[in-house]
N, C-alpha and C. Protein backbone atom coordinates (compact mmCIF):
# COMPACT_ATOMS: atom_id res chain seq x y z
N MET A 1 6.43 17.21 3.73
CA MET A 1 5.87 16.75 2.47
C MET A 1 4.38 17.11 2.46
N THR A 2 3.93 17.65 1.34
CA THR A 2 2.52 17.99 1.22
C THR A 2 1.70 16.76 0.85
N ASN A 3 0.41 16.86 1.07
CA ASN A 3 -0.47 15.72 0.79
C ASN A 3 -0.47 15.35 -0.69
N ILE A 4 -0.42 16.31 -1.58
CA ILE A 4 -0.48 16.01 -3.01
C ILE A 4 0.77 15.23 -3.45
N VAL A 5 1.92 15.56 -2.91
CA VAL A 5 3.15 14.84 -3.25
C VAL A 5 3.04 13.39 -2.77
N LEU A 6 2.58 13.22 -1.55
CA LEU A 6 2.39 11.88 -1.01
C LEU A 6 1.38 11.09 -1.84
N ASN A 7 0.28 11.74 -2.23
CA ASN A 7 -0.74 11.07 -3.04
C ASN A 7 -0.18 10.62 -4.39
N VAL A 8 0.57 11.49 -5.04
CA VAL A 8 1.15 11.15 -6.34
C VAL A 8 2.13 9.99 -6.20
N LEU A 9 2.95 10.03 -5.18
CA LEU A 9 3.91 8.94 -4.97
C LEU A 9 3.21 7.60 -4.73
N VAL A 10 2.19 7.60 -3.89
CA VAL A 10 1.49 6.36 -3.57
C VAL A 10 0.74 5.85 -4.79
N LEU A 11 0.01 6.72 -5.49
CA LEU A 11 -0.73 6.28 -6.68
C LEU A 11 0.21 5.80 -7.78
N THR A 12 1.36 6.43 -7.93
CA THR A 12 2.34 5.98 -8.92
C THR A 12 2.89 4.61 -8.55
N ALA A 13 3.23 4.41 -7.29
CA ALA A 13 3.75 3.12 -6.85
C ALA A 13 2.71 2.02 -7.02
N LEU A 14 1.47 2.30 -6.64
CA LEU A 14 0.41 1.30 -6.79
C LEU A 14 0.17 0.96 -8.26
N THR A 15 0.22 1.96 -9.12
CA THR A 15 0.04 1.73 -10.55
C THR A 15 1.17 0.88 -11.11
N ALA A 16 2.39 1.20 -10.73
CA ALA A 16 3.55 0.43 -11.22
C ALA A 16 3.49 -1.02 -10.78
N VAL A 17 3.12 -1.25 -9.53
CA VAL A 17 3.08 -2.61 -9.00
C VAL A 17 1.95 -3.43 -9.63
N SER A 18 0.85 -2.78 -9.95
CA SER A 18 -0.31 -3.53 -10.44
C SER A 18 -0.55 -3.34 -11.94
N TRP A 19 0.39 -2.79 -12.67
CA TRP A 19 0.19 -2.49 -14.08
C TRP A 19 -0.18 -3.72 -14.90
N SER A 20 0.43 -4.86 -14.64
CA SER A 20 0.14 -6.06 -15.43
C SER A 20 -1.31 -6.49 -15.27
N VAL A 21 -1.90 -6.26 -14.12
CA VAL A 21 -3.30 -6.60 -13.90
C VAL A 21 -4.20 -5.50 -14.45
N LEU A 22 -3.82 -4.25 -14.22
CA LEU A 22 -4.63 -3.10 -14.66
C LEU A 22 -4.83 -3.09 -16.17
N ARG A 23 -3.83 -3.41 -16.93
CA ARG A 23 -3.94 -3.30 -18.39
C ARG A 23 -4.88 -4.36 -18.96
N ARG A 24 -5.21 -5.39 -18.20
CA ARG A 24 -6.14 -6.41 -18.66
C ARG A 24 -7.56 -6.19 -18.15
N MET A 25 -7.77 -5.13 -17.38
CA MET A 25 -9.10 -4.86 -16.83
C MET A 25 -9.88 -3.93 -17.76
N ARG A 26 -11.19 -3.91 -17.59
CA ARG A 26 -12.06 -3.06 -18.40
C ARG A 26 -11.92 -1.62 -17.96
N GLY A 27 -11.45 -0.77 -18.86
CA GLY A 27 -11.19 0.63 -18.54
C GLY A 27 -12.42 1.42 -18.17
N TRP A 28 -13.52 1.21 -18.89
CA TRP A 28 -14.73 1.98 -18.61
C TRP A 28 -15.31 1.64 -17.24
N ALA A 29 -15.24 0.40 -16.86
CA ALA A 29 -15.74 0.01 -15.53
C ALA A 29 -14.93 0.69 -14.43
N LEU A 30 -13.61 0.72 -14.59
CA LEU A 30 -12.77 1.41 -13.60
C LEU A 30 -13.04 2.90 -13.61
N PHE A 31 -13.20 3.48 -14.79
CA PHE A 31 -13.48 4.91 -14.91
C PHE A 31 -14.75 5.28 -14.15
N TRP A 32 -15.83 4.52 -14.39
CA TRP A 32 -17.10 4.84 -13.73
C TRP A 32 -17.03 4.58 -12.24
N ALA A 33 -16.28 3.62 -11.81
CA ALA A 33 -16.09 3.40 -10.37
C ALA A 33 -15.39 4.61 -9.75
N VAL A 34 -14.37 5.13 -10.43
CA VAL A 34 -13.67 6.33 -9.95
C VAL A 34 -14.62 7.52 -9.88
N VAL A 35 -15.41 7.71 -10.93
CA VAL A 35 -16.35 8.84 -10.96
C VAL A 35 -17.33 8.75 -9.78
N HIS A 36 -17.92 7.57 -9.59
CA HIS A 36 -18.90 7.43 -8.51
C HIS A 36 -18.28 7.62 -7.13
N LEU A 37 -17.11 7.06 -6.91
CA LEU A 37 -16.47 7.24 -5.60
C LEU A 37 -16.02 8.68 -5.37
N CYS A 38 -15.62 9.36 -6.42
CA CYS A 38 -15.24 10.78 -6.27
C CYS A 38 -16.46 11.64 -5.95
N VAL A 39 -17.60 11.35 -6.55
CA VAL A 39 -18.84 12.08 -6.21
C VAL A 39 -19.20 11.84 -4.75
N LEU A 40 -19.14 10.58 -4.33
CA LEU A 40 -19.43 10.28 -2.92
C LEU A 40 -18.43 10.95 -1.99
N THR A 41 -17.17 11.00 -2.39
CA THR A 41 -16.15 11.67 -1.59
C THR A 41 -16.46 13.15 -1.46
N ALA A 42 -16.83 13.79 -2.57
CA ALA A 42 -17.15 15.22 -2.52
C ALA A 42 -18.31 15.48 -1.57
N VAL A 43 -19.34 14.67 -1.63
CA VAL A 43 -20.51 14.88 -0.78
C VAL A 43 -20.17 14.62 0.69
N PHE A 44 -19.67 13.44 0.98
CA PHE A 44 -19.49 13.06 2.39
C PHE A 44 -18.30 13.74 3.05
N ASP A 45 -17.23 14.00 2.32
CA ASP A 45 -16.12 14.73 2.92
C ASP A 45 -16.52 16.16 3.24
N THR A 46 -17.31 16.76 2.35
CA THR A 46 -17.79 18.11 2.62
C THR A 46 -18.62 18.13 3.91
N ILE A 47 -19.49 17.16 4.06
CA ILE A 47 -20.31 17.09 5.28
C ILE A 47 -19.42 16.89 6.50
N MET A 48 -18.48 15.95 6.44
CA MET A 48 -17.63 15.67 7.60
C MET A 48 -16.74 16.86 7.96
N ILE A 49 -16.28 17.59 6.95
CA ILE A 49 -15.46 18.78 7.22
C ILE A 49 -16.32 19.88 7.83
N ASP A 50 -17.55 20.06 7.29
CA ASP A 50 -18.45 21.10 7.79
C ASP A 50 -18.85 20.88 9.24
N VAL A 51 -19.03 19.63 9.66
CA VAL A 51 -19.42 19.38 11.05
C VAL A 51 -18.22 19.27 11.98
N GLY A 52 -17.01 19.37 11.42
CA GLY A 52 -15.81 19.41 12.25
C GLY A 52 -15.22 18.07 12.63
N LEU A 53 -15.56 17.01 11.88
CA LEU A 53 -14.97 15.71 12.19
C LEU A 53 -13.47 15.68 11.93
N TYR A 54 -13.04 16.40 10.92
CA TYR A 54 -11.61 16.54 10.70
C TYR A 54 -11.29 17.84 9.98
N VAL A 55 -10.04 18.26 10.15
CA VAL A 55 -9.57 19.53 9.61
C VAL A 55 -8.25 19.27 8.89
N PHE A 56 -8.07 19.91 7.76
CA PHE A 56 -6.82 19.77 7.02
C PHE A 56 -5.90 20.93 7.34
N ASP A 57 -4.62 20.63 7.52
CA ASP A 57 -3.61 21.65 7.76
C ASP A 57 -3.43 22.43 6.46
N PRO A 58 -3.71 23.73 6.46
CA PRO A 58 -3.59 24.53 5.23
C PRO A 58 -2.19 24.51 4.61
N ALA A 59 -1.17 24.25 5.42
CA ALA A 59 0.19 24.20 4.90
C ALA A 59 0.46 22.91 4.14
N LYS A 60 -0.39 21.89 4.31
CA LYS A 60 -0.17 20.58 3.68
C LYS A 60 -1.02 20.36 2.44
N ILE A 61 -1.95 21.27 2.15
CA ILE A 61 -2.82 21.08 1.00
C ILE A 61 -2.64 22.22 0.00
N LEU A 62 -3.08 21.97 -1.25
CA LEU A 62 -2.94 22.98 -2.30
C LEU A 62 -3.90 24.15 -2.12
N GLY A 63 -5.05 23.89 -1.52
CA GLY A 63 -6.04 24.94 -1.34
C GLY A 63 -7.13 24.92 -2.40
N PHE A 64 -7.13 23.92 -3.26
CA PHE A 64 -8.19 23.75 -4.25
C PHE A 64 -9.22 22.80 -3.69
N TYR A 65 -10.50 23.19 -3.76
CA TYR A 65 -11.56 22.38 -3.20
C TYR A 65 -12.57 22.00 -4.26
N VAL A 66 -13.09 20.79 -4.15
CA VAL A 66 -14.21 20.35 -4.96
C VAL A 66 -15.39 20.30 -4.00
N TRP A 67 -16.29 21.21 -4.20
CA TRP A 67 -17.37 21.50 -3.29
C TRP A 67 -16.75 21.93 -1.98
N GLY A 68 -16.61 21.09 -0.99
CA GLY A 68 -15.94 21.49 0.24
C GLY A 68 -14.79 20.59 0.61
N ALA A 69 -14.47 19.65 -0.29
CA ALA A 69 -13.41 18.67 -0.01
C ALA A 69 -12.13 19.09 -0.72
N PRO A 70 -11.00 19.05 -0.03
CA PRO A 70 -9.74 19.39 -0.69
C PRO A 70 -9.40 18.40 -1.80
N LEU A 71 -8.79 18.90 -2.83
CA LEU A 71 -8.45 18.10 -4.01
C LEU A 71 -7.67 16.84 -3.63
N GLU A 72 -6.77 16.96 -2.68
CA GLU A 72 -5.93 15.83 -2.28
C GLU A 72 -6.73 14.66 -1.71
N ASP A 73 -7.90 14.93 -1.17
CA ASP A 73 -8.68 13.88 -0.55
C ASP A 73 -9.26 12.90 -1.57
N PHE A 74 -9.27 13.25 -2.84
CA PHE A 74 -9.83 12.38 -3.86
C PHE A 74 -8.87 11.25 -4.26
N ALA A 75 -7.63 11.34 -3.86
CA ALA A 75 -6.68 10.27 -4.16
C ALA A 75 -7.10 8.96 -3.49
N TYR A 76 -7.71 9.06 -2.33
CA TYR A 76 -8.16 7.85 -1.62
C TYR A 76 -9.29 7.17 -2.39
N ALA A 77 -10.20 7.96 -2.94
CA ALA A 77 -11.30 7.41 -3.73
C ALA A 77 -10.77 6.76 -5.01
N ILE A 78 -9.81 7.40 -5.64
CA ILE A 78 -9.21 6.85 -6.86
C ILE A 78 -8.48 5.55 -6.54
N ALA A 79 -7.71 5.55 -5.48
CA ALA A 79 -6.98 4.34 -5.10
C ALA A 79 -7.94 3.19 -4.79
N ALA A 80 -9.01 3.47 -4.08
CA ALA A 80 -9.98 2.42 -3.75
C ALA A 80 -10.68 1.89 -5.00
N ALA A 81 -11.09 2.79 -5.88
CA ALA A 81 -11.84 2.38 -7.07
C ALA A 81 -10.99 1.57 -8.03
N VAL A 82 -9.70 1.85 -8.09
CA VAL A 82 -8.83 1.15 -9.04
C VAL A 82 -8.16 -0.06 -8.42
N PHE A 83 -7.68 0.05 -7.21
CA PHE A 83 -6.83 -0.99 -6.68
C PHE A 83 -7.56 -2.06 -5.87
N VAL A 84 -8.78 -1.82 -5.43
CA VAL A 84 -9.55 -2.90 -4.81
C VAL A 84 -9.91 -3.96 -5.86
N PRO A 85 -10.37 -3.58 -7.06
CA PRO A 85 -10.57 -4.61 -8.09
C PRO A 85 -9.29 -5.35 -8.48
N VAL A 86 -8.17 -4.65 -8.47
CA VAL A 86 -6.89 -5.32 -8.76
C VAL A 86 -6.62 -6.37 -7.69
N LEU A 87 -6.77 -6.00 -6.43
CA LEU A 87 -6.56 -6.97 -5.34
C LEU A 87 -7.55 -8.12 -5.45
N TRP A 88 -8.78 -7.83 -5.82
CA TRP A 88 -9.79 -8.87 -5.97
C TRP A 88 -9.34 -9.90 -6.99
N ARG A 89 -8.81 -9.41 -8.12
CA ARG A 89 -8.34 -10.33 -9.16
C ARG A 89 -7.13 -11.12 -8.71
N VAL A 90 -6.18 -10.44 -8.09
CA VAL A 90 -4.94 -11.11 -7.67
C VAL A 90 -5.22 -12.13 -6.58
N LEU A 91 -5.98 -11.76 -5.57
CA LEU A 91 -6.24 -12.66 -4.45
C LEU A 91 -7.24 -13.75 -4.82
N GLY A 92 -8.02 -13.55 -5.86
CA GLY A 92 -8.99 -14.55 -6.28
C GLY A 92 -8.37 -15.66 -7.09
N ARG A 93 -7.10 -15.56 -7.42
CA ARG A 93 -6.42 -16.56 -8.24
C ARG A 93 -5.63 -17.53 -7.37
N SER A 94 -6.30 -18.23 -6.53
CA SER A 94 -5.59 -19.23 -5.73
C SER A 94 -5.61 -20.55 -6.48
N SER A 95 -4.76 -21.46 -6.12
CA SER A 95 -4.72 -22.76 -6.79
C SER A 95 -6.01 -23.53 -6.52
N ARG A 96 -6.64 -23.25 -5.40
CA ARG A 96 -7.88 -23.93 -5.04
C ARG A 96 -9.01 -23.55 -5.99
N THR A 97 -9.12 -22.24 -6.38
CA THR A 97 -10.21 -21.81 -7.25
C THR A 97 -9.81 -21.84 -8.71
N ALA A 98 -8.54 -21.78 -9.03
CA ALA A 98 -8.11 -21.75 -10.43
C ALA A 98 -8.34 -23.08 -11.13
N SER A 99 -8.36 -24.20 -10.40
CA SER A 99 -8.51 -25.51 -11.02
C SER A 99 -9.96 -25.89 -11.25
N ARG A 100 -10.89 -25.14 -10.68
CA ARG A 100 -12.31 -25.45 -10.85
C ARG A 100 -12.84 -24.89 -12.17
N PRO A 101 -13.77 -25.60 -12.79
CA PRO A 101 -14.42 -25.04 -13.97
C PRO A 101 -15.32 -23.89 -13.55
N ASP A 102 -15.59 -22.97 -14.46
CA ASP A 102 -16.45 -21.83 -14.15
C ASP A 102 -17.81 -22.32 -13.66
N GLY A 103 -18.32 -21.68 -12.65
CA GLY A 103 -19.62 -22.03 -12.11
C GLY A 103 -19.60 -23.08 -11.03
N ALA A 104 -18.50 -23.79 -10.87
CA ALA A 104 -18.42 -24.84 -9.84
C ALA A 104 -17.80 -24.24 -8.60
N HIS A 105 -18.58 -24.09 -7.57
CA HIS A 105 -18.09 -23.47 -6.34
C HIS A 105 -18.16 -24.42 -5.17
N GLY A 106 -17.86 -25.66 -5.41
CA GLY A 106 -17.81 -26.60 -4.30
C GLY A 106 -19.11 -27.38 -4.11
N ALA A 107 -20.20 -26.95 -4.72
CA ALA A 107 -21.46 -27.67 -4.56
C ALA A 107 -21.62 -28.66 -5.71
N GLU A 108 -22.23 -29.77 -5.39
CA GLU A 108 -22.47 -30.78 -6.41
C GLU A 108 -23.59 -30.31 -7.34
N SER A 109 -23.42 -30.57 -8.59
CA SER A 109 -24.43 -30.21 -9.57
C SER A 109 -25.53 -31.24 -9.56
N THR A 110 -26.78 -30.80 -9.69
CA THR A 110 -27.92 -31.72 -9.68
C THR A 110 -28.48 -31.89 -11.08
N HIS A 111 -27.77 -31.42 -12.11
CA HIS A 111 -28.24 -31.56 -13.46
C HIS A 111 -28.08 -33.01 -13.94
N ALA A 112 -29.07 -33.48 -14.70
CA ALA A 112 -29.00 -34.85 -15.21
C ALA A 112 -28.44 -34.89 -16.60
């Protein structure tokens, strides 16, 4: 299996599982998070590949590069930018925090 096939399968599965949360999130915020992480991926993956930290098997990649990073490597940046906020929302909804009013984080208020 090539990396792009694996990437598409994983991103599709993650999208399907988290669709109910994703559709309620701000699209532009997710878009800009993806853009910024992809730029960082292009810069730092290119550096890491150039110094020999890792090598991609040419038989497993498409052969398209963004700067010096293979196209398939950007799936990790996309997954992180989209699905970490989804996890943040899902895991942040515990019964302990859901019953508190906004702004109350366990500390007593000193307002009179």
